[in-house]
Amino acid sequence: MAQSSFSDFLKARVRTIPGWPKAGVNFRDVTTLFHDPEAFRVMVEAFALDCTQQRIDLIAAVDARGFIVGGALAYQLHKPFVLVRKKGKLPHKTISADYALEYGTATVEIHADACKPGDRILILDDLIATGGTLLAATELFRRLGGVVVGVAGIIDLPELGGSAKLRAAGLNVHTLCEFSENE
């Protein structure tokens, strides 16, 4: 499937919810893609192809929708899978990083033994908006000596600037489709 038709295939299956969680926001609901077996399969295969070209040692994914694709991808590639969780959700010794939200800050954590120095890591999330969560997750793995070779998301919202920030941080960014604010 050509890239533009692939992107169109996925975009047609994403549910947009205007005004949620607040007025003026168009929420991109990817759960519809998980409910469509063909869409789910082609997403995992697209990310798997990208991973084989980058020689990835482990897959990490961000809480919570990122876990769905990340877990499937790790299974497909026979790679270790690491959870990037919201603060207080992991049971063992953790390291944490704060990141900015529209109104305040939030914190993500990984286990202190999530990777070994030199591990090549791909971090997945459902979408890339401002990039804050993925930048914080990248910081965590780098503190452990991991090499974050890329970040990935099903959807890019380029007008919010996250993918540009991630590229500026030296990361390969792979998304499967993008939405403008007025779509």
N, C-alpha and C. Protein backbone atom coordinates (compact mmCIF):
# COMPACT_ATOMS: atom_id res chain seq x y z
N MET A 1 0.85 -1.17 0.00
CA MET A 1 0.00 0.00 0.00
C MET A 1 0.90 1.24 0.00
N ALA A 2 0.64 2.19 -0.90
CA ALA A 2 1.41 3.43 -0.97
C ALA A 2 1.22 4.23 0.32
N GLN A 3 2.24 5.05 0.66
CA GLN A 3 2.19 5.80 1.93
C GLN A 3 0.95 6.67 2.03
N SER A 4 0.58 7.40 0.97
CA SER A 4 -0.58 8.29 1.06
C SER A 4 -1.87 7.49 1.23
N SER A 5 -2.00 6.37 0.51
CA SER A 5 -3.22 5.58 0.68
C SER A 5 -3.23 4.88 2.04
N PHE A 6 -2.05 4.51 2.55
CA PHE A 6 -1.94 3.92 3.88
C PHE A 6 -2.40 4.94 4.93
N SER A 7 -1.89 6.16 4.83
CA SER A 7 -2.27 7.22 5.75
C SER A 7 -3.78 7.48 5.67
N ASP A 8 -4.31 7.56 4.46
CA ASP A 8 -5.74 7.79 4.28
C ASP A 8 -6.57 6.64 4.87
N PHE A 9 -6.08 5.42 4.69
CA PHE A 9 -6.75 4.23 5.24
C PHE A 9 -6.90 4.37 6.76
N LEU A 10 -5.82 4.76 7.44
CA LEU A 10 -5.87 4.91 8.90
C LEU A 10 -6.71 6.12 9.31
N LYS A 11 -6.51 7.25 8.65
CA LYS A 11 -7.24 8.46 9.02
C LYS A 11 -8.75 8.26 8.92
N ALA A 12 -9.17 7.51 7.93
CA ALA A 12 -10.60 7.26 7.74
C ALA A 12 -11.19 6.45 8.89
N ARG A 13 -10.33 5.79 9.65
CA ARG A 13 -10.79 4.93 10.74
C ARG A 13 -10.60 5.54 12.13
N VAL A 14 -9.98 6.72 12.20
CA VAL A 14 -9.81 7.42 13.47
C VAL A 14 -11.08 8.22 13.75
N ARG A 15 -11.58 8.08 14.95
CA ARG A 15 -12.78 8.84 15.35
C ARG A 15 -12.31 10.18 15.94
N THR A 16 -12.88 11.25 15.41
CA THR A 16 -12.58 12.58 15.94
C THR A 16 -13.76 13.03 16.80
N ILE A 17 -13.44 13.47 18.02
CA ILE A 17 -14.47 13.91 18.95
C ILE A 17 -14.24 15.40 19.22
N PRO A 18 -15.06 16.25 18.57
CA PRO A 18 -14.90 17.69 18.76
C PRO A 18 -15.25 18.11 20.19
N GLY A 19 -14.48 19.08 20.71
CA GLY A 19 -14.80 19.65 22.02
C GLY A 19 -14.49 18.76 23.20
N TRP A 20 -13.61 17.76 23.03
CA TRP A 20 -13.27 16.88 24.16
C TRP A 20 -11.77 16.80 24.29
N PRO A 21 -11.19 16.93 25.41
CA PRO A 21 -11.80 17.06 26.74
C PRO A 21 -12.26 18.47 27.07
N LYS A 22 -12.01 19.43 26.16
CA LYS A 22 -12.48 20.79 26.40
C LYS A 22 -12.81 21.44 25.06
N ALA A 23 -13.54 22.51 25.11
CA ALA A 23 -13.94 23.23 23.90
C ALA A 23 -12.71 23.63 23.09
N GLY A 24 -12.84 23.51 21.77
CA GLY A 24 -11.75 23.89 20.88
C GLY A 24 -10.77 22.78 20.55
N VAL A 25 -10.87 21.66 21.22
CA VAL A 25 -9.97 20.54 20.99
C VAL A 25 -10.69 19.49 20.15
N ASN A 26 -10.00 18.99 19.13
CA ASN A 26 -10.49 17.84 18.36
C ASN A 26 -9.71 16.62 18.84
N PHE A 27 -10.33 15.80 19.67
CA PHE A 27 -9.67 14.61 20.21
C PHE A 27 -9.63 13.52 19.15
N ARG A 28 -8.44 12.97 18.91
CA ARG A 28 -8.25 11.90 17.92
C ARG A 28 -8.26 10.56 18.66
N ASP A 29 -9.35 9.84 18.51
CA ASP A 29 -9.57 8.59 19.23
C ASP A 29 -9.03 7.42 18.41
N VAL A 30 -7.88 6.86 18.83
CA VAL A 30 -7.27 5.74 18.12
C VAL A 30 -7.84 4.39 18.52
N THR A 31 -8.72 4.36 19.52
CA THR A 31 -9.28 3.06 19.92
C THR A 31 -10.04 2.41 18.78
N THR A 32 -10.53 3.20 17.85
CA THR A 32 -11.22 2.64 16.67
C THR A 32 -10.26 1.84 15.81
N LEU A 33 -8.99 2.22 15.80
CA LEU A 33 -7.98 1.47 15.04
C LEU A 33 -7.69 0.13 15.70
N PHE A 34 -7.76 0.09 17.01
CA PHE A 34 -7.53 -1.18 17.72
C PHE A 34 -8.71 -2.13 17.52
N HIS A 35 -9.87 -1.56 17.30
CA HIS A 35 -11.09 -2.35 17.10
C HIS A 35 -11.17 -2.92 15.68
N ASP A 36 -10.39 -2.39 14.75
CA ASP A 36 -10.38 -2.82 13.35
C ASP A 36 -9.16 -3.73 13.15
N PRO A 37 -9.35 -5.04 13.03
CA PRO A 37 -8.21 -5.96 12.95
C PRO A 37 -7.25 -5.65 11.80
N GLU A 38 -7.76 -5.22 10.67
CA GLU A 38 -6.87 -4.91 9.53
C GLU A 38 -6.04 -3.66 9.83
N ALA A 39 -6.66 -2.63 10.37
CA ALA A 39 -5.93 -1.42 10.71
C ALA A 39 -4.86 -1.72 11.77
N PHE A 40 -5.22 -2.49 12.78
CA PHE A 40 -4.28 -2.83 13.84
C PHE A 40 -3.09 -3.61 13.26
N ARG A 41 -3.37 -4.56 12.39
CA ARG A 41 -2.32 -5.38 11.79
C ARG A 41 -1.37 -4.51 10.95
N VAL A 42 -1.90 -3.65 10.11
CA VAL A 42 -1.02 -2.86 9.24
C VAL A 42 -0.21 -1.83 10.04
N MET A 43 -0.77 -1.33 11.14
CA MET A 43 0.01 -0.42 11.99
C MET A 43 1.23 -1.13 12.58
N VAL A 44 0.99 -2.31 13.15
CA VAL A 44 2.09 -3.06 13.76
C VAL A 44 3.12 -3.43 12.71
N GLU A 45 2.68 -3.85 11.54
CA GLU A 45 3.62 -4.22 10.48
C GLU A 45 4.44 -3.01 10.01
N ALA A 46 3.82 -1.84 9.91
CA ALA A 46 4.55 -0.64 9.50
C ALA A 46 5.62 -0.28 10.51
N PHE A 47 5.28 -0.33 11.80
CA PHE A 47 6.28 -0.04 12.83
C PHE A 47 7.37 -1.11 12.85
N ALA A 48 7.00 -2.37 12.64
CA ALA A 48 7.98 -3.46 12.63
C ALA A 48 8.99 -3.27 11.51
N LEU A 49 8.54 -2.88 10.33
CA LEU A 49 9.45 -2.64 9.22
C LEU A 49 10.45 -1.54 9.57
N ASP A 50 9.97 -0.47 10.15
CA ASP A 50 10.84 0.63 10.56
C ASP A 50 11.87 0.15 11.60
N CYS A 51 11.44 -0.69 12.52
CA CYS A 51 12.35 -1.20 13.56
C CYS A 51 13.45 -2.06 12.98
N THR A 52 13.13 -2.89 12.01
CA THR A 52 14.16 -3.75 11.43
C THR A 52 15.20 -2.93 10.68
N GLN A 53 14.81 -1.77 10.17
CA GLN A 53 15.76 -0.91 9.47
C GLN A 53 16.64 -0.13 10.44
N GLN A 54 16.24 -0.03 11.71
CA GLN A 54 17.00 0.74 12.70
C GLN A 54 17.74 -0.13 13.71
N ARG A 55 17.61 -1.43 13.65
CA ARG A 55 18.25 -2.34 14.60
C ARG A 55 17.90 -1.97 16.03
N ILE A 56 16.67 -2.20 16.39
CA ILE A 56 16.13 -1.90 17.72
C ILE A 56 16.36 -3.08 18.65
N ASP A 57 16.82 -2.80 19.88
CA ASP A 57 17.01 -3.85 20.89
C ASP A 57 15.80 -4.02 21.79
N LEU A 58 15.09 -2.92 22.07
CA LEU A 58 13.90 -3.04 22.91
C LEU A 58 12.89 -1.98 22.54
N ILE A 59 11.64 -2.31 22.84
CA ILE A 59 10.51 -1.43 22.55
C ILE A 59 10.00 -0.88 23.88
N ALA A 60 9.78 0.42 23.92
CA ALA A 60 9.16 1.05 25.09
C ALA A 60 7.89 1.74 24.61
N ALA A 61 6.92 1.86 25.50
CA ALA A 61 5.68 2.53 25.13
C ALA A 61 5.16 3.32 26.32
N VAL A 62 4.45 4.40 25.96
CA VAL A 62 3.95 5.36 26.94
C VAL A 62 2.53 5.01 27.34
N ASP A 63 2.27 5.16 28.62
CA ASP A 63 0.97 4.95 29.27
C ASP A 63 -0.09 5.80 28.57
N ALA A 64 -1.18 5.30 28.16
CA ALA A 64 -1.67 3.94 28.22
C ALA A 64 -1.94 3.39 26.81
N ARG A 65 -2.42 4.23 25.88
CA ARG A 65 -2.73 3.69 24.55
C ARG A 65 -1.47 3.23 23.82
N GLY A 66 -0.33 3.82 24.13
CA GLY A 66 0.91 3.37 23.53
C GLY A 66 1.23 1.92 23.87
N PHE A 67 0.76 1.46 25.05
CA PHE A 67 1.01 0.08 25.46
C PHE A 67 0.42 -0.93 24.47
N ILE A 68 -0.70 -0.58 23.88
CA ILE A 68 -1.40 -1.53 23.01
C ILE A 68 -0.56 -1.83 21.77
N VAL A 69 -0.13 -0.79 21.08
CA VAL A 69 0.68 -1.00 19.88
C VAL A 69 2.08 -1.46 20.27
N GLY A 70 2.64 -0.88 21.33
CA GLY A 70 3.99 -1.26 21.75
C GLY A 70 4.09 -2.72 22.15
N GLY A 71 3.11 -3.21 22.88
CA GLY A 71 3.12 -4.62 23.27
C GLY A 71 3.01 -5.54 22.06
N ALA A 72 2.14 -5.19 21.13
CA ALA A 72 1.99 -6.01 19.91
C ALA A 72 3.27 -5.99 19.09
N LEU A 73 3.90 -4.82 19.02
CA LEU A 73 5.15 -4.70 18.25
C LEU A 73 6.27 -5.50 18.90
N ALA A 74 6.41 -5.40 20.20
CA ALA A 74 7.45 -6.17 20.90
C ALA A 74 7.23 -7.67 20.68
N TYR A 75 5.99 -8.11 20.73
CA TYR A 75 5.67 -9.52 20.47
C TYR A 75 6.07 -9.90 19.05
N GLN A 76 5.68 -9.06 18.09
CA GLN A 76 5.97 -9.33 16.67
C GLN A 76 7.48 -9.46 16.43
N LEU A 77 8.26 -8.60 17.08
CA LEU A 77 9.71 -8.55 16.86
C LEU A 77 10.51 -9.42 17.82
N HIS A 78 9.83 -10.04 18.79
CA HIS A 78 10.51 -10.86 19.81
C HIS A 78 11.52 -10.01 20.58
N LYS A 79 11.09 -8.82 21.01
CA LYS A 79 11.95 -7.88 21.72
C LYS A 79 11.40 -7.64 23.12
N PRO A 80 12.27 -7.26 24.06
CA PRO A 80 11.79 -6.86 25.38
C PRO A 80 10.87 -5.64 25.27
N PHE A 81 9.96 -5.54 26.22
CA PHE A 81 8.98 -4.45 26.23
C PHE A 81 9.06 -3.72 27.56
N VAL A 82 9.17 -2.39 27.50
CA VAL A 82 9.31 -1.56 28.70
C VAL A 82 8.12 -0.60 28.78
N LEU A 83 7.54 -0.51 29.96
CA LEU A 83 6.43 0.41 30.19
C LEU A 83 6.95 1.75 30.70
N VAL A 84 6.51 2.84 30.07
CA VAL A 84 6.75 4.19 30.56
C VAL A 84 5.44 4.60 31.20
N ARG A 85 5.43 4.67 32.54
CA ARG A 85 4.19 4.85 33.29
C ARG A 85 4.09 6.23 33.92
N LYS A 86 2.86 6.57 34.24
CA LYS A 86 2.62 7.75 35.05
C LYS A 86 3.18 7.49 36.45
N LYS A 87 3.54 8.56 37.13
CA LYS A 87 4.18 8.45 38.45
C LYS A 87 3.34 7.59 39.42
N GLY A 88 4.05 6.72 40.13
CA GLY A 88 3.43 5.92 41.17
C GLY A 88 2.81 4.62 40.72
N LYS A 89 2.98 4.24 39.45
CA LYS A 89 2.32 3.04 38.93
C LYS A 89 3.25 1.83 38.81
N LEU A 90 4.56 2.03 38.95
CA LEU A 90 5.50 0.92 38.83
C LEU A 90 5.94 0.45 40.22
N PRO A 91 6.05 -0.87 40.44
CA PRO A 91 6.26 -1.40 41.78
C PRO A 91 7.71 -1.44 42.26
N HIS A 92 8.66 -1.35 41.37
CA HIS A 92 10.07 -1.52 41.75
C HIS A 92 10.75 -0.16 41.75
N LYS A 93 12.04 -0.13 42.02
CA LYS A 93 12.80 1.13 42.02
C LYS A 93 12.68 1.79 40.65
N THR A 94 12.39 3.10 40.66
CA THR A 94 12.17 3.82 39.41
C THR A 94 13.05 5.06 39.31
N ILE A 95 13.13 5.57 38.09
CA ILE A 95 13.65 6.91 37.85
C ILE A 95 12.52 7.68 37.18
N SER A 96 12.51 9.00 37.36
CA SER A 96 11.38 9.78 36.86
C SER A 96 11.85 11.05 36.17
N ALA A 97 10.96 11.58 35.32
CA ALA A 97 11.20 12.85 34.65
C ALA A 97 9.87 13.60 34.57
N ASP A 98 9.94 14.89 34.79
CA ASP A 98 8.77 15.75 34.68
C ASP A 98 8.70 16.32 33.27
N TYR A 99 7.49 16.66 32.86
CA TYR A 99 7.30 17.33 31.58
C TYR A 99 6.12 18.28 31.70
N ALA A 100 6.09 19.26 30.81
CA ALA A 100 5.08 20.30 30.88
C ALA A 100 3.78 19.85 30.23
N LEU A 101 2.69 20.21 30.88
CA LEU A 101 1.35 20.06 30.33
C LEU A 101 0.82 21.47 30.06
N GLU A 102 -0.33 21.55 29.44
CA GLU A 102 -0.90 22.87 29.17
C GLU A 102 -1.10 23.66 30.46
N TYR A 103 -1.52 22.96 31.53
CA TYR A 103 -1.74 23.61 32.83
C TYR A 103 -0.98 22.84 33.89
N GLY A 104 0.33 23.04 34.00
CA GLY A 104 1.10 22.38 35.04
C GLY A 104 2.10 21.40 34.48
N THR A 105 2.43 20.41 35.30
CA THR A 105 3.41 19.40 34.90
C THR A 105 2.88 18.01 35.24
N ALA A 106 3.52 17.02 34.64
CA ALA A 106 3.24 15.62 34.95
C ALA A 106 4.58 14.90 35.02
N THR A 107 4.54 13.68 35.47
CA THR A 107 5.76 12.90 35.66
C THR A 107 5.58 11.51 35.06
N VAL A 108 6.62 11.03 34.36
CA VAL A 108 6.64 9.65 33.89
C VAL A 108 7.82 8.94 34.54
N GLU A 109 7.70 7.62 34.66
CA GLU A 109 8.73 6.81 35.29
C GLU A 109 8.98 5.54 34.49
N ILE A 110 10.18 5.02 34.65
CA ILE A 110 10.52 3.68 34.19
C ILE A 110 11.26 2.99 35.33
N HIS A 111 11.31 1.67 35.29
CA HIS A 111 12.10 0.96 36.27
C HIS A 111 13.58 1.31 36.07
N ALA A 112 14.32 1.34 37.16
CA ALA A 112 15.74 1.71 37.11
C ALA A 112 16.57 0.69 36.34
N ASP A 113 16.03 -0.49 36.10
CA ASP A 113 16.73 -1.52 35.32
C ASP A 113 16.05 -1.76 33.97
N ALA A 114 15.39 -0.74 33.43
CA ALA A 114 14.60 -0.88 32.20
C ALA A 114 15.44 -1.18 30.97
N CYS A 115 16.69 -0.73 30.96
CA CYS A 115 17.56 -1.02 29.82
C CYS A 115 19.00 -1.10 30.30
N LYS A 116 19.84 -1.62 29.42
CA LYS A 116 21.28 -1.69 29.68
C LYS A 116 21.95 -0.58 28.88
N PRO A 117 23.10 -0.10 29.33
CA PRO A 117 23.82 0.89 28.52
C PRO A 117 24.06 0.34 27.11
N GLY A 118 23.80 1.19 26.13
CA GLY A 118 23.99 0.81 24.73
C GLY A 118 22.77 0.20 24.06
N ASP A 119 21.75 -0.19 24.85
CA ASP A 119 20.53 -0.71 24.22
C ASP A 119 19.96 0.34 23.27
N ARG A 120 19.53 -0.12 22.10
CA ARG A 120 18.91 0.75 21.10
C ARG A 120 17.40 0.65 21.27
N ILE A 121 16.76 1.80 21.51
CA ILE A 121 15.37 1.82 21.98
C ILE A 121 14.49 2.62 21.04
N LEU A 122 13.30 2.09 20.79
CA LEU A 122 12.23 2.82 20.12
C LEU A 122 11.14 3.05 21.16
N ILE A 123 10.66 4.30 21.27
CA ILE A 123 9.59 4.63 22.21
C ILE A 123 8.34 4.97 21.42
N LEU A 124 7.24 4.30 21.74
CA LEU A 124 5.96 4.51 21.06
C LEU A 124 4.95 5.22 21.94
N ASP A 125 4.12 6.03 21.29
CA ASP A 125 2.95 6.60 21.93
C ASP A 125 1.84 6.60 20.89
N ASP A 126 0.62 6.85 21.32
CA ASP A 126 -0.47 6.82 20.34
C ASP A 126 -0.40 8.00 19.39
N LEU A 127 -0.05 9.18 19.92
CA LEU A 127 0.08 10.33 19.03
C LEU A 127 1.14 11.29 19.54
N ILE A 128 1.62 12.12 18.63
CA ILE A 128 2.61 13.13 18.98
C ILE A 128 1.92 14.48 18.88
N ALA A 129 1.81 15.15 20.03
CA ALA A 129 1.19 16.48 20.08
C ALA A 129 2.31 17.48 20.36
N THR A 130 2.55 17.80 21.63
CA THR A 130 3.61 18.76 21.98
C THR A 130 4.97 18.09 22.12
N GLY A 131 5.00 16.76 22.21
CA GLY A 131 6.26 16.03 22.32
C GLY A 131 6.80 15.89 23.73
N GLY A 132 6.15 16.50 24.71
CA GLY A 132 6.67 16.50 26.08
C GLY A 132 6.83 15.13 26.69
N THR A 133 5.84 14.27 26.51
CA THR A 133 5.91 12.94 27.11
C THR A 133 7.05 12.13 26.50
N LEU A 134 7.17 12.17 25.19
CA LEU A 134 8.23 11.41 24.53
C LEU A 134 9.62 11.97 24.84
N LEU A 135 9.74 13.28 24.97
CA LEU A 135 11.03 13.85 25.37
C LEU A 135 11.40 13.44 26.79
N ALA A 136 10.43 13.42 27.70
CA ALA A 136 10.69 12.98 29.07
C ALA A 136 11.09 11.51 29.10
N ALA A 137 10.40 10.68 28.33
CA ALA A 137 10.74 9.26 28.27
C ALA A 137 12.14 9.07 27.69
N THR A 138 12.47 9.83 26.67
CA THR A 138 13.81 9.77 26.07
C THR A 138 14.87 10.10 27.11
N GLU A 139 14.63 11.15 27.90
CA GLU A 139 15.56 11.54 28.96
C GLU A 139 15.81 10.39 29.93
N LEU A 140 14.76 9.67 30.30
CA LEU A 140 14.90 8.56 31.24
C LEU A 140 15.83 7.47 30.71
N PHE A 141 15.58 7.05 29.47
CA PHE A 141 16.41 5.98 28.90
C PHE A 141 17.85 6.45 28.71
N ARG A 142 18.03 7.70 28.32
CA ARG A 142 19.39 8.23 28.16
C ARG A 142 20.12 8.27 29.49
N ARG A 143 19.42 8.57 30.58
CA ARG A 143 20.05 8.56 31.91
C ARG A 143 20.55 7.18 32.28
N LEU A 144 19.91 6.14 31.76
CA LEU A 144 20.34 4.76 32.02
C LEU A 144 21.39 4.29 31.02
N GLY A 145 21.78 5.15 30.09
CA GLY A 145 22.79 4.77 29.10
C GLY A 145 22.19 4.19 27.83
N GLY A 146 20.88 4.19 27.72
CA GLY A 146 20.23 3.69 26.51
C GLY A 146 20.38 4.68 25.36
N VAL A 147 20.27 4.15 24.16
CA VAL A 147 20.35 4.96 22.95
C VAL A 147 18.96 4.99 22.34
N VAL A 148 18.26 6.09 22.49
CA VAL A 148 16.92 6.20 21.91
C VAL A 148 17.11 6.58 20.44
N VAL A 149 16.88 5.60 19.58
CA VAL A 149 17.12 5.83 18.15
C VAL A 149 15.89 6.41 17.46
N GLY A 150 14.76 6.33 18.14
CA GLY A 150 13.57 6.90 17.52
C GLY A 150 12.37 6.87 18.43
N VAL A 151 11.41 7.66 18.01
CA VAL A 151 10.10 7.68 18.66
C VAL A 151 9.07 7.49 17.57
N ALA A 152 7.93 6.96 17.94
CA ALA A 152 6.90 6.68 16.95
C ALA A 152 5.53 6.95 17.54
N GLY A 153 4.63 7.32 16.67
CA GLY A 153 3.25 7.52 17.05
C GLY A 153 2.35 7.17 15.88
N ILE A 154 1.15 6.76 16.19
CA ILE A 154 0.20 6.49 15.12
C ILE A 154 -0.13 7.79 14.40
N ILE A 155 -0.38 8.85 15.17
CA ILE A 155 -0.80 10.13 14.63
C ILE A 155 0.20 11.22 15.00
N ASP A 156 0.47 12.11 14.05
CA ASP A 156 1.23 13.33 14.32
C ASP A 156 0.26 14.50 14.21
N LEU A 157 0.35 15.41 15.17
CA LEU A 157 -0.38 16.67 15.14
C LEU A 157 0.68 17.77 14.95
N PRO A 158 1.18 17.94 13.71
CA PRO A 158 2.36 18.79 13.48
C PRO A 158 2.18 20.25 13.90
N GLU A 159 0.97 20.76 13.88
CA GLU A 159 0.75 22.16 14.26
C GLU A 159 1.06 22.42 15.74
N LEU A 160 1.09 21.36 16.54
CA LEU A 160 1.41 21.53 17.96
C LEU A 160 2.92 21.50 18.23
N GLY A 161 3.72 21.19 17.20
CA GLY A 161 5.16 21.33 17.28
C GLY A 161 5.95 20.19 17.89
N GLY A 162 5.29 19.14 18.35
CA GLY A 162 6.01 18.06 19.02
C GLY A 162 6.98 17.31 18.14
N SER A 163 6.58 16.97 16.93
CA SER A 163 7.48 16.21 16.06
C SER A 163 8.72 17.04 15.71
N ALA A 164 8.56 18.34 15.54
CA ALA A 164 9.72 19.21 15.27
C ALA A 164 10.66 19.23 16.47
N LYS A 165 10.12 19.32 17.70
CA LYS A 165 10.95 19.31 18.91
C LYS A 165 11.71 17.99 19.04
N LEU A 166 11.04 16.90 18.73
CA LEU A 166 11.68 15.59 18.83
C LEU A 166 12.81 15.46 17.81
N ARG A 167 12.59 15.92 16.59
CA ARG A 167 13.66 15.89 15.58
C ARG A 167 14.83 16.78 16.01
N ALA A 168 14.51 17.95 16.58
CA ALA A 168 15.55 18.86 17.06
C ALA A 168 16.38 18.22 18.17
N ALA A 169 15.79 17.27 18.90
CA ALA A 169 16.50 16.54 19.96
C ALA A 169 17.29 15.36 19.40
N GLY A 170 17.36 15.26 18.07
CA GLY A 170 18.16 14.21 17.44
C GLY A 170 17.46 12.88 17.28
N LEU A 171 16.13 12.88 17.37
CA LEU A 171 15.39 11.62 17.29
C LEU A 171 14.78 11.42 15.92
N ASN A 172 14.81 10.19 15.46
CA ASN A 172 14.07 9.80 14.27
C ASN A 172 12.59 9.74 14.68
N VAL A 173 11.72 10.37 13.93
CA VAL A 173 10.29 10.39 14.26
C VAL A 173 9.54 9.65 13.16
N HIS A 174 8.77 8.65 13.56
CA HIS A 174 7.98 7.88 12.61
C HIS A 174 6.52 7.93 13.03
N THR A 175 5.68 8.51 12.18
CA THR A 175 4.23 8.49 12.41
C THR A 175 3.56 7.92 11.17
N LEU A 176 2.37 7.41 11.36
CA LEU A 176 1.67 6.74 10.27
C LEU A 176 0.70 7.64 9.54
N CYS A 177 0.21 8.68 10.22
CA CYS A 177 -0.67 9.66 9.58
C CYS A 177 -0.62 10.94 10.39
N GLU A 178 -1.14 12.02 9.82
CA GLU A 178 -1.19 13.27 10.56
C GLU A 178 -2.52 13.97 10.32
N PHE A 179 -2.87 14.78 11.30
CA PHE A 179 -4.10 15.57 11.25
C PHE A 179 -3.74 17.03 11.48
N SER A 180 -4.36 17.92 10.71
CA SER A 180 -4.26 19.34 11.00
C SER A 180 -5.36 19.67 12.00
N GLU A 181 -5.24 20.81 12.64
CA GLU A 181 -6.23 21.19 13.64
C GLU A 181 -7.63 21.36 13.06
N ASN A 182 -7.73 21.72 11.80
CA ASN A 182 -9.07 21.95 11.22
C ASN A 182 -9.63 20.75 10.48
N GLU A 183 -8.96 19.60 10.54
CA GLU A 183 -9.51 18.39 9.89
C GLU A 183 -10.54 17.75 10.79
